[in-house]
Structures are given as C-alpha cells and as structure tokens.
Amino acid sequence: MQVSILQHRSLLRDFVRRDLATKFRGSVLGSIWMVVTPILTLVVYFFVFSVVFKARWSNGTAGSSESALVLFSGLITYTFFSECFLRAPMLMRENPNFIKKVVFPLEILPLAITLSALVNAAIGYGLLLVFFLIFVGLPPLTAIALPVVLLPMFFAVLGVAYLLSSLGVYLPDMKLAVPPIAMALMYLSPIFYPLEMVPKVLRPMVGWNPFTPVLENVRHVFFFGSWPDWTGLAIQVAVSLLFLRVCYWFFMKTKKGFPDVL
C-alpha cells in the first residue's frame, strides 16, 4: 500500500485539490465556505443545545460557551467520518472512466476523499481552537495530544472508504443503506450528550460504538486536561491499522472485477 501511494503521490495531491475545488465550484464565496459553514454550524448548535436544551458536561464545562465548543468538537469528529462514509459507496460508479483505464491506480480515490475530508476537519479544529481562545482561554497542555488521539479514527475511516467503495460497485443498494446507518451512529454516539447521561443499562451499547473512545479522548485532552490512556490508544491504533489493511486487501482483490460490473 505504501509503495503504491508513494509512487502516485503527485496524482493523489492533484485529486485532493480537485475534490476540494469541486465542492465549491460555481459558488460566489468559493473555498471561504470551508470556514463559513462550520461557524454557522457552531452558532446553530450553540443556540439549540446550549441555550434551549442547556446541555452541560460534568467534567469541568460550566459555561454555555464551553459546552457549545464541546458539542462542536464532537460534530467535527463525526463529520469527518460521515463525509467519507456517505460518499464511498458511489465513488467508483461516479468515476467509470478511471476504471476503464488499466494503468490508473484506483486505490488513490478512497484516500483522496479521506484526505479531502481531513482538510475540512483540520479547518474545523482550527476554528475550535480560535473560539476556545476567545471564549475560554488557553487550552490545557494535553491539547497537543489531539492529533495522536485522532489517528485510530483516520485509519478506520480510510478502511471504511476502501471497503464501501468496493462494495458499492457490486451492491448498488449501498448508497441507500449508508444514510440511515450514518444517522443512527450519530445519535448513538456521545456527540450531543455526555456518556454519563446514558442509562447504565444502555451505556455498554454506546460504549461499544467505535466513535465513543475517540470522542471521549478528544474531549478529555482538549477540554478536561487529562492525558489519554496510552495503552488503550495503542491498541486502538493497532486494531484500526489491521482493519485498514484488511479493507485495502479486499479493495485490491475486488477491483479486478470493476470493469465487468460497470
């Protein structure tokens, strides 16, 4: 995998740029929407969840501004996943011309949309830092661990992109199946509520959600000033890398049949 990506890194870079540009093609503001959209999202969620529902986190988030930022961090993290999850099933079907070219490295397409989503997420986290500095102050020292705690999610999301982009070729109904799954995962993840609010009987179900440890780690290092469980994090990285490896292998095996199906 590494050899293939390195060989085509310039092509990958071009595809990431093209993917980012395509999202705002024809708009007046262009790429400025990458900043405007998360700001508007933060305003809406601040009003709905912090003003109307008065959501609070018990781990030191006393003010409504900080609670809104906690919500925002969860939403940024989930959006990174959902963008790839929703696009992957139709990725190959939307690019049939590349499939017919024998020499074209199809494996860069799932990576390109994942990196494109990562750029959007990075902008969101940058805005999160700016708003935190304005409304709360300096984040704790543990915030420097944020990129590290996000590593398992990046590898897992990339694996999902490879898996679904392959399955979407052979199973067209995948494009109809993923939206309700994405919605269910969003509400079954502690994005809009603290994990402590979930009834103890149902808490194990939310705890087994693969997003839960990532969301909890993000909030603990950025807001609550506690370092992650390094052993647990290492296990998450190892499992996500294994998952990515299996999904990549599956993609490479099944891509040989893409031209026959499409």
Protein backbone atom coordinates (compact mmCIF):
# COMPACT_ATOMS: atom_id res chain seq x y z
CA MET A 1 0.00 0.00 0.00
CA GLN A 2 2.72 2.46 0.98
CA VAL A 3 4.70 1.80 -2.22
CA SER A 4 1.63 2.35 -4.42
CA ILE A 5 0.70 5.61 -2.69
CA LEU A 6 4.24 6.97 -2.77
CA GLN A 7 4.54 6.20 -6.47
CA HIS A 8 1.43 8.25 -7.21
CA ARG A 9 1.72 10.96 -4.54
CA SER A 10 1.63 13.80 -7.10
CA LEU A 11 -1.53 12.34 -8.67
CA LEU A 12 -3.04 11.95 -5.21
CA ARG A 13 -2.28 15.57 -4.38
CA ASP A 14 -3.98 16.70 -7.59
CA PHE A 15 -7.07 14.63 -6.82
CA VAL A 16 -7.34 16.04 -3.30
CA ARG A 17 -7.13 19.57 -4.67
CA ARG A 18 -9.70 18.76 -7.35
CA ASP A 19 -12.06 17.25 -4.81
CA LEU A 20 -11.85 20.31 -2.56
CA ALA A 21 -12.35 22.66 -5.52
CA THR A 22 -15.31 20.70 -6.89
CA LYS A 23 -17.30 21.18 -3.68
CA PHE A 24 -17.43 24.95 -4.17
CA ARG A 25 -17.34 25.19 -7.96
CA GLY A 26 -19.74 27.85 -9.21
CA SER A 27 -20.27 29.45 -5.80
CA VAL A 28 -19.56 33.13 -5.17
CA LEU A 29 -17.59 32.67 -1.95
CA GLY A 30 -15.72 29.60 -3.16
CA SER A 31 -13.43 27.99 -0.59
CA ILE A 32 -14.48 30.58 2.01
CA TRP A 33 -17.44 28.27 2.64
CA MET A 34 -14.96 25.89 4.29
CA VAL A 35 -14.76 28.44 7.11
CA VAL A 36 -18.27 29.91 6.95
CA THR A 37 -20.07 26.55 7.19
CA PRO A 38 -18.52 25.39 10.50
CA ILE A 39 -19.04 28.85 12.00
CA LEU A 40 -22.75 28.78 11.12
CA THR A 41 -22.96 25.23 12.44
CA LEU A 42 -21.43 26.27 15.75
CA VAL A 43 -23.92 29.16 16.09
CA VAL A 44 -26.89 26.86 15.44
CA TYR A 45 -25.75 24.15 17.82
CA PHE A 46 -24.89 26.72 20.46
CA PHE A 47 -28.45 28.02 20.36
CA VAL A 48 -30.22 24.64 20.17
CA PHE A 49 -28.22 22.59 22.64
CA SER A 50 -26.67 25.16 24.98
CA VAL A 51 -29.45 27.77 25.13
CA VAL A 52 -32.61 25.73 24.55
CA PHE A 53 -31.67 22.29 25.95
CA LYS A 54 -28.98 23.66 28.30
CA ALA A 55 -26.63 20.73 27.72
CA ARG A 56 -23.72 20.63 30.17
CA TRP A 57 -20.71 18.37 30.60
CA SER A 58 -19.85 17.46 34.17
CA ASN A 59 -16.08 17.33 33.59
CA GLY A 60 -15.45 20.99 34.14
CA THR A 61 -17.52 22.63 31.42
CA ALA A 62 -19.59 25.06 33.41
CA GLY A 63 -20.34 27.77 30.89
CA SER A 64 -22.63 27.55 27.89
CA SER A 65 -19.86 28.73 25.55
CA GLU A 66 -17.56 25.90 26.57
CA SER A 67 -20.41 23.39 26.38
CA ALA A 68 -21.13 24.55 22.82
CA LEU A 69 -17.47 24.03 21.93
CA VAL A 70 -17.59 20.52 23.38
CA LEU A 71 -20.55 19.80 21.12
CA PHE A 72 -18.71 21.36 18.20
CA SER A 73 -15.66 19.14 18.72
CA GLY A 74 -17.84 16.04 18.59
CA LEU A 75 -19.59 17.25 15.47
CA ILE A 76 -16.28 17.95 13.68
CA THR A 77 -15.04 14.47 14.52
CA TYR A 78 -18.22 12.79 13.34
CA THR A 79 -18.47 14.87 10.14
CA PHE A 80 -15.02 13.65 9.10
CA PHE A 81 -16.34 10.09 9.21
CA SER A 82 -19.77 10.78 7.70
CA GLU A 83 -18.38 12.64 4.69
CA CYS A 84 -16.32 9.60 3.66
CA PHE A 85 -18.98 7.10 4.73
CA LEU A 86 -21.68 8.70 2.58
CA ARG A 87 -19.50 9.26 -0.48
CA ALA A 88 -17.59 5.98 -0.64
CA PRO A 89 -20.38 3.67 -1.95
CA MET A 90 -20.78 5.72 -5.14
CA LEU A 91 -17.11 6.65 -5.57
CA MET A 92 -16.30 4.11 -8.28
CA ARG A 93 -19.62 4.49 -10.05
CA GLU A 94 -19.04 8.24 -10.30
CA ASN A 95 -15.63 7.67 -11.92
CA PRO A 96 -16.20 4.95 -14.56
CA ASN A 97 -13.65 6.47 -16.94
CA PHE A 98 -10.83 5.78 -14.49
CA ILE A 99 -11.93 2.17 -14.05
CA LYS A 100 -11.62 1.51 -17.77
CA LYS A 101 -8.03 2.74 -17.74
CA VAL A 102 -5.95 -0.29 -16.81
CA VAL A 103 -2.97 1.74 -15.67
CA PHE A 104 -4.92 4.11 -13.44
CA PRO A 105 -4.33 3.46 -9.70
CA LEU A 106 -7.91 3.26 -8.39
CA GLU A 107 -6.64 2.88 -4.83
CA ILE A 108 -5.86 6.59 -4.62
CA LEU A 109 -9.53 7.59 -4.98
CA PRO A 110 -10.69 6.47 -1.48
CA LEU A 111 -7.56 8.01 0.00
CA ALA A 112 -8.20 11.26 -1.87
CA ILE A 113 -11.73 11.73 -0.48
CA THR A 114 -10.47 10.80 3.00
CA LEU A 115 -7.70 13.40 2.85
CA SER A 116 -10.17 15.94 1.48
CA ALA A 117 -12.45 15.30 4.47
CA LEU A 118 -9.41 15.54 6.73
CA VAL A 119 -8.64 19.03 5.38
CA ASN A 120 -12.18 20.13 6.25
CA ALA A 121 -11.81 18.59 9.71
CA ALA A 122 -8.47 20.36 10.23
CA ILE A 123 -10.14 23.69 9.42
CA GLY A 124 -12.89 22.83 11.90
CA TYR A 125 -10.38 22.02 14.65
CA GLY A 126 -8.50 25.23 13.84
CA LEU A 127 -11.72 27.21 14.32
CA LEU A 128 -12.36 25.26 17.52
CA LEU A 129 -9.00 26.45 18.86
CA VAL A 130 -9.73 30.06 17.85
CA PHE A 131 -13.15 30.04 19.54
CA PHE A 132 -11.69 28.37 22.62
CA LEU A 133 -9.06 31.10 22.91
CA ILE A 134 -11.73 33.79 22.54
CA PHE A 135 -14.41 32.44 24.89
CA VAL A 136 -12.48 30.28 27.36
CA GLY A 137 -8.76 30.97 27.22
CA LEU A 138 -5.70 28.82 26.67
CA PRO A 139 -6.47 25.12 26.26
CA PRO A 140 -4.72 22.69 28.61
CA LEU A 141 -1.28 21.31 27.75
CA THR A 142 -2.87 17.95 26.97
CA ALA A 143 -4.41 19.50 23.83
CA ILE A 144 -1.15 18.80 21.99
CA ALA A 145 -2.17 15.13 22.03
CA LEU A 146 -5.23 15.81 19.85
CA PRO A 147 -3.63 14.66 16.55
CA VAL A 148 -2.49 11.45 18.25
CA VAL A 149 -5.91 10.51 19.63
CA LEU A 150 -7.39 11.06 16.16
CA LEU A 151 -5.02 8.58 14.49
CA PRO A 152 -7.21 5.48 15.09
CA MET A 153 -10.19 7.23 13.54
CA PHE A 154 -8.24 8.30 10.46
CA PHE A 155 -7.07 4.73 9.78
CA ALA A 156 -10.54 3.31 10.45
CA VAL A 157 -12.28 5.87 8.21
CA LEU A 158 -9.82 5.19 5.41
CA GLY A 159 -10.52 1.48 5.79
CA VAL A 160 -14.26 2.14 5.59
CA ALA A 161 -13.71 4.21 2.44
CA TYR A 162 -11.88 1.30 0.77
CA LEU A 163 -14.46 -1.23 1.88
CA LEU A 164 -17.56 0.72 0.86
CA SER A 165 -16.13 1.98 -2.43
CA SER A 166 -15.61 -1.65 -3.42
CA LEU A 167 -18.94 -2.94 -2.12
CA GLY A 168 -20.75 -0.05 -3.80
CA VAL A 169 -19.72 -1.41 -7.20
CA TYR A 170 -21.26 -4.83 -6.61
CA LEU A 171 -24.11 -3.74 -4.33
CA PRO A 172 -25.76 -0.57 -5.72
CA ASP A 173 -28.17 -0.51 -2.76
CA MET A 174 -25.29 0.52 -0.52
CA LYS A 175 -25.98 4.16 -1.39
CA LEU A 176 -29.43 3.76 0.17
CA ALA A 177 -28.25 1.79 3.19
CA VAL A 178 -25.49 4.07 4.44
CA PRO A 179 -27.51 7.26 5.20
CA PRO A 180 -29.74 5.68 7.91
CA ILE A 181 -26.68 3.90 9.34
CA ALA A 182 -24.82 7.20 9.47
CA MET A 183 -27.75 8.88 11.23
CA ALA A 184 -28.02 6.04 13.75
CA LEU A 185 -24.28 6.20 14.50
CA MET A 186 -24.53 9.96 15.04
CA TYR A 187 -27.28 9.72 17.66
CA LEU A 188 -25.82 6.60 19.27
CA SER A 189 -22.52 8.41 19.79
CA PRO A 190 -21.96 10.80 22.71
CA ILE A 191 -21.86 13.84 20.44
CA PHE A 192 -24.81 15.84 21.75
CA TYR A 193 -24.81 14.41 25.27
CA PRO A 194 -22.29 13.24 27.88
CA LEU A 195 -21.79 9.49 28.18
CA GLU A 196 -22.84 9.80 31.84
CA MET A 197 -26.37 10.78 30.75
CA VAL A 198 -26.95 7.41 29.10
CA PRO A 199 -28.80 4.97 31.40
CA LYS A 200 -26.43 2.41 32.85
CA VAL A 201 -28.32 -0.41 31.17
CA LEU A 202 -27.72 1.13 27.73
CA ARG A 203 -24.26 2.57 28.40
CA PRO A 204 -22.37 -0.57 27.24
CA MET A 205 -24.11 -0.30 23.85
CA VAL A 206 -22.89 3.29 23.42
CA GLY A 207 -19.51 2.29 24.83
CA TRP A 208 -19.05 -0.32 22.11
CA ASN A 209 -19.69 2.31 19.47
CA PRO A 210 -16.29 2.78 17.73
CA PHE A 211 -16.75 6.56 17.90
CA THR A 212 -17.16 6.68 21.66
CA PRO A 213 -13.48 6.23 22.68
CA VAL A 214 -12.36 8.72 20.01
CA LEU A 215 -14.90 11.36 21.10
CA GLU A 216 -14.07 10.82 24.75
CA ASN A 217 -10.33 11.12 24.09
CA VAL A 218 -10.80 14.31 22.05
CA ARG A 219 -12.77 15.96 24.83
CA HIS A 220 -10.50 14.78 27.62
CA VAL A 221 -7.29 16.06 26.02
CA PHE A 222 -8.71 19.31 24.63
CA PHE A 223 -11.18 20.37 27.33
CA PHE A 224 -10.69 18.39 30.51
CA GLY A 225 -6.88 18.44 30.74
CA SER A 226 -6.32 14.70 31.07
CA TRP A 227 -3.95 12.57 29.01
CA PRO A 228 -5.36 9.59 27.14
CA ASP A 229 -4.86 6.02 28.22
CA TRP A 230 -1.74 5.39 26.14
CA THR A 231 -2.06 1.62 26.32
CA GLY A 232 -5.67 1.74 25.20
CA LEU A 233 -4.79 4.23 22.47
CA ALA A 234 -2.01 1.97 21.19
CA ILE A 235 -4.49 -0.90 21.00
CA GLN A 236 -6.95 1.31 19.08
CA VAL A 237 -4.23 2.28 16.59
CA ALA A 238 -3.19 -1.35 16.10
CA VAL A 239 -6.79 -2.52 15.57
CA SER A 240 -7.59 0.33 13.17
CA LEU A 241 -4.41 -0.36 11.17
CA LEU A 242 -5.33 -4.03 10.93
CA PHE A 243 -8.83 -3.08 9.81
CA LEU A 244 -7.36 -0.72 7.17
CA ARG A 245 -5.04 -3.43 5.93
CA VAL A 246 -7.88 -5.94 5.53
CA CYS A 247 -10.11 -3.40 3.76
CA TYR A 248 -7.30 -2.36 1.41
CA TRP A 249 -6.59 -6.01 0.58
CA PHE A 250 -10.30 -6.54 -0.13
CA PHE A 251 -10.37 -3.49 -2.40
CA MET A 252 -7.32 -4.59 -4.37
CA LYS A 253 -8.75 -8.09 -4.81
CA THR A 254 -12.19 -6.96 -5.93
CA LYS A 255 -11.16 -4.04 -8.16
CA LYS A 256 -10.24 -6.50 -10.91
CA GLY A 257 -13.95 -7.09 -11.47
CA PHE A 258 -14.98 -3.41 -11.54
CA PRO A 259 -14.83 -3.08 -15.36
CA ASP A 260 -17.08 -6.11 -15.82
CA VAL A 261 -19.75 -4.70 -13.48
CA LEU A 262 -19.60 -1.09 -14.65
